[in-house]
C-alpha atoms as a PDB file:
ATOM      1  CA  MET A   1     -13.255  69.769  40.064  1.00  0.00           C
ATOM      2  CA  LYS A   2     -11.856  67.491  41.724  1.00  0.00           C
ATOM      3  CA  LEU A   3     -12.419  63.526  40.433  1.00  0.00           C
ATOM      4  CA  PRO A   4     -12.270  61.556  43.134  1.00  0.00           C
ATOM      5  CA  LEU A   5      -9.038  58.799  43.308  1.00  0.00           C
ATOM      6  CA  ASN A   6     -10.436  55.907  43.639  1.00  0.00           C
ATOM      7  CA  VAL A   7      -7.667  53.354  46.019  1.00  0.00           C
ATOM      8  CA  SER A   8      -8.758  50.289  45.420  1.00  0.00           C
ATOM      9  CA  VAL A   9      -7.853  50.490  41.729  1.00  0.00           C
ATOM     10  CA  PHE A  10      -3.959  51.986  42.642  1.00  0.00           C
ATOM     11  CA  SER A  11      -2.832  49.469  45.035  1.00  0.00           C
ATOM     12  CA  SER A  12      -4.444  46.309  43.099  1.00  0.00           C
ATOM     13  CA  LEU A  13      -2.004  46.918  40.225  1.00  0.00           C
ATOM     14  CA  ALA A  14       0.746  47.785  42.896  1.00  0.00           C
ATOM     15  CA  CYS A  15       0.012  44.480  44.539  1.00  0.00           C
ATOM     16  CA  SER A  16      -0.058  42.215  40.494  1.00  0.00           C
ATOM     17  CA  THR A  17       3.850  43.107  40.033  1.00  0.00           C
ATOM     18  CA  ARG A  18       4.179  41.402  43.560  1.00  0.00           C
ATOM     19  CA  ASN A  19       2.365  38.571  42.419  1.00  0.00           C
ATOM     20  CA  PRO A  20       5.276  35.910  41.162  1.00  0.00           C
ATOM     21  CA  THR A  21       2.866  33.859  39.387  1.00  0.00           C
ATOM     22  CA  LEU A  22       1.670  36.923  37.574  1.00  0.00           C
ATOM     23  CA  ARG A  23       5.245  37.847  37.158  1.00  0.00           C
ATOM     24  CA  ARG A  24       6.782  34.740  35.439  1.00  0.00           C
ATOM     25  CA  PHE A  25       3.895  35.453  32.544  1.00  0.00           C
ATOM     26  CA  MET A  26       4.472  39.325  32.297  1.00  0.00           C
ATOM     27  CA  VAL A  27       7.870  39.169  31.464  1.00  0.00           C
ATOM     28  CA  PRO A  28       8.087  36.305  28.656  1.00  0.00           C
ATOM     29  CA  LEU A  29       5.029  38.279  26.592  1.00  0.00           C
ATOM     30  CA  LEU A  30       6.467  41.374  27.361  1.00  0.00           C
ATOM     31  CA  PHE A  31       9.789  39.609  25.406  1.00  0.00           C
ATOM     32  CA  VAL A  32       7.653  38.726  23.069  1.00  0.00           C
ATOM     33  CA  VAL A  33       5.718  41.447  21.988  1.00  0.00           C
ATOM     34  CA  LEU A  34       9.309  43.340  22.140  1.00  0.00           C
ATOM     35  CA  ALA A  35      11.024  40.585  20.301  1.00  0.00           C
ATOM     36  CA  ALA A  36       7.204  40.592  17.103  1.00  0.00           C
ATOM     37  CA  VAL A  37       8.567  44.788  17.288  1.00  0.00           C
ATOM     38  CA  ALA A  38      11.929  44.286  16.253  1.00  0.00           C
ATOM     39  CA  VAL A  39      11.442  42.265  14.024  1.00  0.00           C
ATOM     40  CA  GLY A  40       8.417  44.153  12.104  1.00  0.00           C
ATOM     41  CA  ALA A  41      10.740  47.172  11.852  1.00  0.00           C
ATOM     42  CA  GLN A  42      13.196  44.939  10.120  1.00  0.00           C
ATOM     43  CA  LYS A  43      11.264  44.085   7.877  1.00  0.00           C
ATOM     44  CA  LYS A  44       9.828  47.758   7.220  1.00  0.00           C
ATOM     45  CA  GLY A  45      13.434  48.449   6.040  1.00  0.00           C
ATOM     46  CA  ASP A  46      13.858  45.484   4.056  1.00  0.00           C
ATOM     47  CA  LEU A  47      11.099  46.715   1.829  1.00  0.00           C
ATOM     48  CA  GLN A  48      13.228  47.529  -0.667  1.00  0.00           C
ATOM     49  CA  LEU A  49      11.192  49.789  -3.281  1.00  0.00           C
ATOM     50  CA  ARG A  50      11.699  49.368  -7.511  1.00  0.00           C
ATOM     51  CA  VAL A  51      12.219  52.212 -10.197  1.00  0.00           C
ATOM     52  CA  VAL A  52      11.846  51.867 -13.548  1.00  0.00           C
ATOM     53  CA  ARG A  53      13.885  53.936 -16.891  1.00  0.00           C
ATOM     54  CA  GLY A  54      13.604  53.624 -20.104  1.00  0.00           C
ATOM     55  CA  THR A  55      14.282  55.611 -23.058  1.00  0.00           C
ATOM     56  CA  VAL A  56      11.465  56.240 -25.515  1.00  0.00           C
ATOM     57  CA  LEU A  57      12.178  55.035 -28.654  1.00  0.00           C
ATOM     58  CA  ASP A  58      10.451  55.400 -32.662  1.00  0.00           C
ATOM     59  CA  LYS A  59      10.055  53.116 -35.672  1.00  0.00           C
ATOM     60  CA  ASP A  60      13.923  53.989 -36.344  1.00  0.00           C
ATOM     61  CA  GLU A  61      15.151  53.618 -33.027  1.00  0.00           C
ATOM     62  CA  ASN A  62      15.829  57.804 -32.516  1.00  0.00           C
ATOM     63  CA  PRO A  63      14.963  59.039 -29.050  1.00  0.00           C
ATOM     64  CA  ALA A  64      10.944  60.230 -28.956  1.00  0.00           C
ATOM     65  CA  PRO A  65      10.495  63.325 -26.262  1.00  0.00           C
ATOM     66  CA  THR A  66       7.818  64.478 -25.140  1.00  0.00           C
ATOM     67  CA  ALA A  67       6.327  60.423 -25.992  1.00  0.00           C
ATOM     68  CA  ILE A  68       3.481  59.939 -23.243  1.00  0.00           C
ATOM     69  CA  VAL A  69       4.467  56.706 -20.477  1.00  0.00           C
ATOM     70  CA  TYR A  70       1.492  55.304 -19.231  1.00  0.00           C
ATOM     71  CA  LEU A  71       2.222  52.552 -16.037  1.00  0.00           C
ATOM     72  CA  LYS A  72      -0.557  50.882 -14.520  1.00  0.00           C
ATOM     73  CA  ASN A  73      -0.467  49.172 -11.203  1.00  0.00           C
ATOM     74  CA  VAL A  74      -2.207  45.981 -11.981  1.00  0.00           C
ATOM     75  CA  LYS A  75      -3.417  45.455  -8.709  1.00  0.00           C
ATOM     76  CA  SER A  76      -5.432  49.148  -8.098  1.00  0.00           C
ATOM     77  CA  GLN A  77      -5.769  49.555 -11.159  1.00  0.00           C
ATOM     78  CA  ALA A  78      -3.711  52.899 -10.853  1.00  0.00           C
ATOM     79  CA  VAL A  79      -2.285  54.539 -13.645  1.00  0.00           C
ATOM     80  CA  LYS A  80       0.507  57.336 -13.267  1.00  0.00           C
ATOM     81  CA  THR A  81       2.373  58.910 -16.581  1.00  0.00           C
ATOM     82  CA  TYR A  82       5.661  60.595 -17.519  1.00  0.00           C
ATOM     83  CA  ILE A  83       6.327  63.189 -20.296  1.00  0.00           C
ATOM     84  CA  ALA A  84       9.387  61.847 -21.405  1.00  0.00           C
ATOM     85  CA  GLY A  85      12.644  63.882 -22.104  1.00  0.00           C
ATOM     86  CA  ASP A  86      14.269  65.175 -24.743  1.00  0.00           C
ATOM     87  CA  LYS A  87      16.421  62.226 -24.845  1.00  0.00           C
ATOM     88  CA  GLY A  88      13.461  60.404 -24.909  1.00  0.00           C
ATOM     89  CA  GLN A  89      14.004  58.878 -21.150  1.00  0.00           C
ATOM     90  CA  TYR A  90      11.708  58.610 -18.666  1.00  0.00           C
ATOM     91  CA  ARG A  91      11.944  56.946 -14.691  1.00  0.00           C
ATOM     92  CA  PHE A  92       9.930  56.040 -12.108  1.00  0.00           C
ATOM     93  CA  SER A  93      10.426  55.324  -8.570  1.00  0.00           C
ATOM     94  CA  GLY A  94       9.178  54.589  -5.680  1.00  0.00           C
ATOM     95  CA  LEU A  95       7.233  51.383  -6.454  1.00  0.00           C
ATOM     96  CA  ASP A  96       6.028  48.379  -4.856  1.00  0.00           C
ATOM     97  CA  PRO A  97       7.772  45.388  -5.668  1.00  0.00           C
ATOM     98  CA  ASN A  98       5.273  43.485  -4.094  1.00  0.00           C
ATOM     99  CA  VAL A  99       2.711  44.706  -7.278  1.00  0.00           C
ATOM    100  CA  ASP A 100       2.784  43.647 -11.332  1.00  0.00           C
ATOM    101  CA  TYR A 101       2.754  46.563 -13.375  1.00  0.00           C
ATOM    102  CA  GLU A 102       1.647  47.233 -16.524  1.00  0.00           C
ATOM    103  CA  ILE A 103       4.016  49.926 -18.686  1.00  0.00           C
ATOM    104  CA  HIS A 104       3.701  51.183 -22.630  1.00  0.00           C
ATOM    105  CA  ALA A 105       3.996  54.611 -24.464  1.00  0.00           C
ATOM    106  CA  GLU A 106       2.276  56.715 -26.690  1.00  0.00           C
ATOM    107  CA  GLN A 107       2.959  59.248 -29.546  1.00  0.00           C
ATOM    108  CA  LYS A 108       0.780  60.427 -31.428  1.00  0.00           C
ATOM    109  CA  ASP A 109      -1.139  57.708 -33.578  1.00  0.00           C
ATOM    110  CA  LEU A 110       1.619  55.304 -32.435  1.00  0.00           C
ATOM    111  CA  MET A 111       2.244  53.177 -29.093  1.00  0.00           C
ATOM    112  CA  SER A 112       4.580  50.092 -27.654  1.00  0.00           C
ATOM    113  CA  SER A 113       3.928  46.937 -26.893  1.00  0.00           C
ATOM    114  CA  VAL A 114       2.294  46.685 -23.877  1.00  0.00           C
ATOM    115  CA  ARG A 115       5.596  45.091 -21.161  1.00  0.00           C
ATOM    116  CA  THR A 116       4.912  43.544 -17.581  1.00  0.00           C
ATOM    117  CA  VAL A 117       6.969  44.447 -14.729  1.00  0.00           C
ATOM    118  CA  SER A 118       6.520  41.052 -12.343  1.00  0.00           C
ATOM    119  CA  SER A 119       6.915  41.394  -8.647  1.00  0.00           C
ATOM    120  CA  PHE A 120       8.852  37.680  -9.592  1.00  0.00           C
ATOM    121  CA  ASP A 121      11.302  40.141 -10.455  1.00  0.00           C
ATOM    122  CA  SER A 122      13.514  40.759  -7.680  1.00  0.00           C
ATOM    123  CA  ARG A 123      15.526  44.241  -9.688  1.00  0.00           C
ATOM    124  CA  SER A 124      15.498  46.934  -7.858  1.00  0.00           C
ATOM    125  CA  ASP A 125      16.827  49.123 -10.832  1.00  0.00           C
ATOM    126  CA  ILE A 126      14.760  48.083 -14.401  1.00  0.00           C
ATOM    127  CA  ASP A 127      15.643  49.339 -17.285  1.00  0.00           C
ATOM    128  CA  MET A 128      12.837  48.752 -20.166  1.00  0.00           C
ATOM    129  CA  PRO A 129      13.605  50.411 -23.229  1.00  0.00           C
ATOM    130  CA  LEU A 130      10.153  51.469 -24.957  1.00  0.00           C
ATOM    131  CA  LYS A 131       9.628  51.788 -28.809  1.00  0.00           C
ATOM    132  CA  LEU A 132       6.563  53.106 -30.432  1.00  0.00           C
ATOM    133  CA  THR A 133       5.986  51.056 -33.537  1.00  0.00           C
ATOM    134  CA  LYS A 134       1.851  49.682 -33.038  1.00  0.00           C
ATOM    135  CA  LYS A 135      -0.439  52.035 -34.575  1.00  0.00           C
ATOM    136  CA  LYS A 136      -2.846  52.991 -31.376  1.00  0.00           C
ATOM    137  CA  PRO A 137      -6.478  51.668 -31.386  1.00  0.00           C
ATOM    138  CA  THR A 138      -9.590  53.955 -32.233  1.00  0.00           C
ATOM    139  CA  ARG A 139     -11.612  54.279 -29.316  1.00  0.00           C
END
């Protein structure tokens, strides 16, 4: 089934581009839209994600393999975990630089202090050692 073609719509569009008053507003408007898109793309490219890495150490300063490191997004309350490697190392990547995070480690009955990764800290690669010194609170 063929739909009827409304010729008047197409002819009015064709005439509107010939209208000098309309053209006078369309060109600057198009320029502003394109400039906004370009600036938005540049800002998105400028957003550099962060990495938080470090080593989990026991109270004698030895690496603590298999310790669990908890990273909490303070804004969304989402928690990521990482099991420390053989040398106690951990790494969280792809972190939003505009969000604060809380990080701590636990192993058996010990835990580290809760430390904060601040959005005001401009470093993109943060080294944060975590020392297991406190007894975990009982639940």
